[in-house]
C-alpha atoms as a PDB file:
ATOM      1  CA  MET A   1       8.910 -13.793 -37.677  1.00  0.00           C
ATOM      2  CA  THR A   2       8.486 -13.096 -34.015  1.00  0.00           C
ATOM      3  CA  ALA A   3       6.263 -10.647 -32.186  1.00  0.00           C
ATOM      4  CA  THR A   4       9.196  -8.269 -31.763  1.00  0.00           C
ATOM      5  CA  ASP A   5       9.769  -8.218 -35.522  1.00  0.00           C
ATOM      6  CA  LEU A   6       6.197  -7.101 -36.107  1.00  0.00           C
ATOM      7  CA  GLY A   7       6.600  -4.112 -33.799  1.00  0.00           C
ATOM      8  CA  SER A   8       3.942  -5.198 -31.341  1.00  0.00           C
ATOM      9  CA  PRO A   9       2.984  -2.582 -28.740  1.00  0.00           C
ATOM     10  CA  ARG A  10       4.019  -4.879 -25.930  1.00  0.00           C
ATOM     11  CA  ALA A  11       7.544  -5.272 -27.246  1.00  0.00           C
ATOM     12  CA  SER A  12       8.038  -1.548 -27.825  1.00  0.00           C
ATOM     13  CA  ARG A  13       7.126  -0.483 -24.289  1.00  0.00           C
ATOM     14  CA  PRO A  14      10.113   0.174 -22.059  1.00  0.00           C
ATOM     15  CA  ARG A  15      10.513  -1.558 -18.751  1.00  0.00           C
ATOM     16  CA  ARG A  16      11.056   0.287 -15.483  1.00  0.00           C
ATOM     17  CA  GLY A  17      14.497   1.888 -15.634  1.00  0.00           C
ATOM     18  CA  THR A  18      16.888   2.898 -12.882  1.00  0.00           C
ATOM     19  CA  ALA A  19      15.054   6.150 -12.203  1.00  0.00           C
ATOM     20  CA  GLY A  20      11.790   4.226 -11.992  1.00  0.00           C
ATOM     21  CA  TRP A  21      13.232   1.843  -9.418  1.00  0.00           C
ATOM     22  CA  VAL A  22      14.629   4.724  -7.378  1.00  0.00           C
ATOM     23  CA  ALA A  23      11.208   6.382  -7.372  1.00  0.00           C
ATOM     24  CA  ALA A  24       9.574   3.068  -6.439  1.00  0.00           C
ATOM     25  CA  LEU A  25      12.042   2.656  -3.561  1.00  0.00           C
ATOM     26  CA  ILE A  26      11.323   6.158  -2.251  1.00  0.00           C
ATOM     27  CA  PHE A  27       7.593   5.520  -2.370  1.00  0.00           C
ATOM     28  CA  ALA A  28       8.121   2.084  -0.805  1.00  0.00           C
ATOM     29  CA  LEU A  29       9.566   3.854   2.226  1.00  0.00           C
ATOM     30  CA  LEU A  30       6.526   6.138   2.440  1.00  0.00           C
ATOM     31  CA  TYR A  31       4.100   3.228   2.164  1.00  0.00           C
ATOM     32  CA  ALA A  32       6.182   1.256   4.690  1.00  0.00           C
ATOM     33  CA  PHE A  33       5.899   4.165   7.129  1.00  0.00           C
ATOM     34  CA  VAL A  34       2.091   3.992   6.905  1.00  0.00           C
ATOM     35  CA  ALA A  35       2.145   0.195   7.266  1.00  0.00           C
ATOM     36  CA  PHE A  36       4.472   0.446  10.278  1.00  0.00           C
ATOM     37  CA  GLU A  37       2.119   2.941  11.891  1.00  0.00           C
ATOM     38  CA  GLY A  38      -0.724   0.453  11.435  1.00  0.00           C
ATOM     39  CA  LEU A  39       1.411  -2.360  12.832  1.00  0.00           C
ATOM     40  CA  SER A  40       2.320  -0.321  15.895  1.00  0.00           C
ATOM     41  CA  ASN A  41      -1.381   0.447  16.436  1.00  0.00           C
ATOM     42  CA  LEU A  42      -2.223  -3.242  16.141  1.00  0.00           C
ATOM     43  CA  ILE A  43       0.456  -4.394  18.572  1.00  0.00           C
ATOM     44  CA  GLY A  44      -0.035  -1.539  21.022  1.00  0.00           C
ATOM     45  CA  LEU A  45      -3.804  -1.878  21.224  1.00  0.00           C
ATOM     46  CA  LEU A  46      -3.681  -5.656  21.539  1.00  0.00           C
ATOM     47  CA  GLN A  47      -1.193  -5.325  24.408  1.00  0.00           C
ATOM     48  CA  SER A  48      -3.214  -2.557  26.070  1.00  0.00           C
ATOM     49  CA  PHE A  49      -6.410  -4.556  25.960  1.00  0.00           C
ATOM     50  CA  ALA A  50      -4.571  -7.650  27.236  1.00  0.00           C
ATOM     51  CA  LEU A  51      -3.239  -5.689  30.227  1.00  0.00           C
ATOM     52  CA  VAL A  52      -6.754  -4.857  31.405  1.00  0.00           C
ATOM     53  CA  ASP A  53      -8.090  -8.346  30.564  1.00  0.00           C
ATOM     54  CA  ALA A  54     -10.410  -7.042  27.859  1.00  0.00           C
ATOM     55  CA  GLU A  55     -10.926  -8.508  24.424  1.00  0.00           C
ATOM     56  CA  LEU A  56     -11.247  -6.741  21.135  1.00  0.00           C
ATOM     57  CA  SER A  57     -14.083  -7.786  18.859  1.00  0.00           C
ATOM     58  CA  ALA A  58     -13.274  -9.545  15.608  1.00  0.00           C
ATOM     59  CA  ALA A  59     -14.341  -6.466  13.639  1.00  0.00           C
ATOM     60  CA  ALA A  60     -11.962  -4.274  15.649  1.00  0.00           C
ATOM     61  CA  VAL A  61      -9.064  -6.660  15.052  1.00  0.00           C
ATOM     62  CA  ALA A  62      -9.951  -6.831  11.344  1.00  0.00           C
ATOM     63  CA  ALA A  63      -9.884  -3.026  11.145  1.00  0.00           C
ATOM     64  CA  LEU A  64      -6.472  -2.969  12.827  1.00  0.00           C
ATOM     65  CA  VAL A  65      -5.127  -5.661  10.499  1.00  0.00           C
ATOM     66  CA  GLY A  66      -6.499  -3.662   7.585  1.00  0.00           C
ATOM     67  CA  LEU A  67      -4.366  -0.728   8.684  1.00  0.00           C
ATOM     68  CA  VAL A  68      -1.315  -2.889   8.016  1.00  0.00           C
ATOM     69  CA  VAL A  69      -2.512  -4.697   4.897  1.00  0.00           C
ATOM     70  CA  VAL A  70      -4.000  -1.788   2.907  1.00  0.00           C
ATOM     71  CA  PRO A  71      -0.768   0.198   2.346  1.00  0.00           C
ATOM     72  CA  VAL A  72       1.170  -2.920   1.393  1.00  0.00           C
ATOM     73  CA  LEU A  73      -1.536  -4.124  -0.977  1.00  0.00           C
ATOM     74  CA  VAL A  74      -1.939  -0.726  -2.653  1.00  0.00           C
ATOM     75  CA  PHE A  75       1.842  -0.410  -3.116  1.00  0.00           C
ATOM     76  CA  VAL A  76       2.159  -3.871  -4.661  1.00  0.00           C
ATOM     77  CA  ILE A  77      -0.733  -3.234  -7.040  1.00  0.00           C
ATOM     78  CA  ILE A  78       0.729   0.104  -8.130  1.00  0.00           C
ATOM     79  CA  LEU A  79       4.232  -1.338  -8.480  1.00  0.00           C
ATOM     80  CA  TRP A  80       2.900  -4.070 -10.750  1.00  0.00           C
ATOM     81  CA  GLY A  81       0.571  -1.748 -12.651  1.00  0.00           C
ATOM     82  CA  THR A  82       3.227   0.841 -13.453  1.00  0.00           C
ATOM     83  CA  ARG A  83       5.948  -1.541 -14.540  1.00  0.00           C
ATOM     84  CA  ARG A  84       5.833  -0.315 -18.154  1.00  0.00           C
ATOM     85  CA  THR A  85       5.128   3.385 -17.643  1.00  0.00           C
ATOM     86  CA  SER A  86       7.419   6.372 -17.435  1.00  0.00           C
ATOM     87  CA  THR A  87       8.877   7.397 -14.103  1.00  0.00           C
ATOM     88  CA  LEU A  88       6.783  10.565 -13.948  1.00  0.00           C
ATOM     89  CA  LYS A  89       3.527   8.712 -14.596  1.00  0.00           C
ATOM     90  CA  ALA A  90       4.456   6.062 -12.049  1.00  0.00           C
ATOM     91  CA  ALA A  91       5.286   8.733  -9.451  1.00  0.00           C
ATOM     92  CA  LEU A  92       1.909  10.375 -10.026  1.00  0.00           C
ATOM     93  CA  VAL A  93       0.146   7.046  -9.561  1.00  0.00           C
ATOM     94  CA  PHE A  94       2.138   6.399  -6.374  1.00  0.00           C
ATOM     95  CA  ILE A  95       1.091   9.822  -5.050  1.00  0.00           C
ATOM     96  CA  ALA A  96      -2.549   9.107  -5.872  1.00  0.00           C
ATOM     97  CA  GLY A  97      -2.137   5.745  -4.150  1.00  0.00           C
ATOM     98  CA  LEU A  98      -0.832   7.451  -1.017  1.00  0.00           C
ATOM     99  CA  ALA A  99      -3.904   9.674  -1.017  1.00  0.00           C
ATOM    100  CA  ALA A 100      -6.140   6.617  -1.382  1.00  0.00           C
ATOM    101  CA  VAL A 101      -4.285   4.867   1.452  1.00  0.00           C
ATOM    102  CA  ALA A 102      -4.773   7.925   3.650  1.00  0.00           C
ATOM    103  CA  VAL A 103      -8.517   7.872   3.017  1.00  0.00           C
ATOM    104  CA  LEU A 104      -8.774   4.114   3.556  1.00  0.00           C
ATOM    105  CA  THR A 105      -6.782   4.198   6.796  1.00  0.00           C
ATOM    106  CA  LEU A 106      -8.932   7.021   8.141  1.00  0.00           C
ATOM    107  CA  ASP A 107     -12.017   4.968   7.280  1.00  0.00           C
ATOM    108  CA  LEU A 108     -10.541   1.920   9.029  1.00  0.00           C
ATOM    109  CA  GLN A 109      -9.700   3.980  12.104  1.00  0.00           C
ATOM    110  CA  ASN A 110     -13.253   5.317  12.148  1.00  0.00           C
ATOM    111  CA  LEU A 111     -14.575   1.766  11.822  1.00  0.00           C
ATOM    112  CA  PHE A 112     -12.372   0.685  14.724  1.00  0.00           C
ATOM    113  CA  GLN A 113     -13.772   3.448  16.917  1.00  0.00           C
ATOM    114  CA  GLN A 114     -17.356   2.550  15.965  1.00  0.00           C
ATOM    115  CA  VAL A 115     -17.021  -1.151  16.760  1.00  0.00           C
ATOM    116  CA  LEU A 116     -15.399  -0.560  20.134  1.00  0.00           C
END
């Protein structure tokens, strides 16, 4: 007898279906928009400071890198964590993740301003 014959909870859970992947793709675009905004801030500020021969502190650069990394990391964690949930539950978690990313990016922007 295998684990699937015994009706284990793991075997009975559905995997992400087509609707789940479509929802994940839509949310991937939203998270990518936030990450792109962070990347444009990173590149633009590094170039601006280089033009006036000024250097950013390591904490300021770390805050700017965080603006790029946080949305990607949160999306990957949610994508992995919702792989066996319904599409509606996954969408709700993605929305909550977007709210968390918004809070974290505002905190990182505030940190950047403080360390300048």
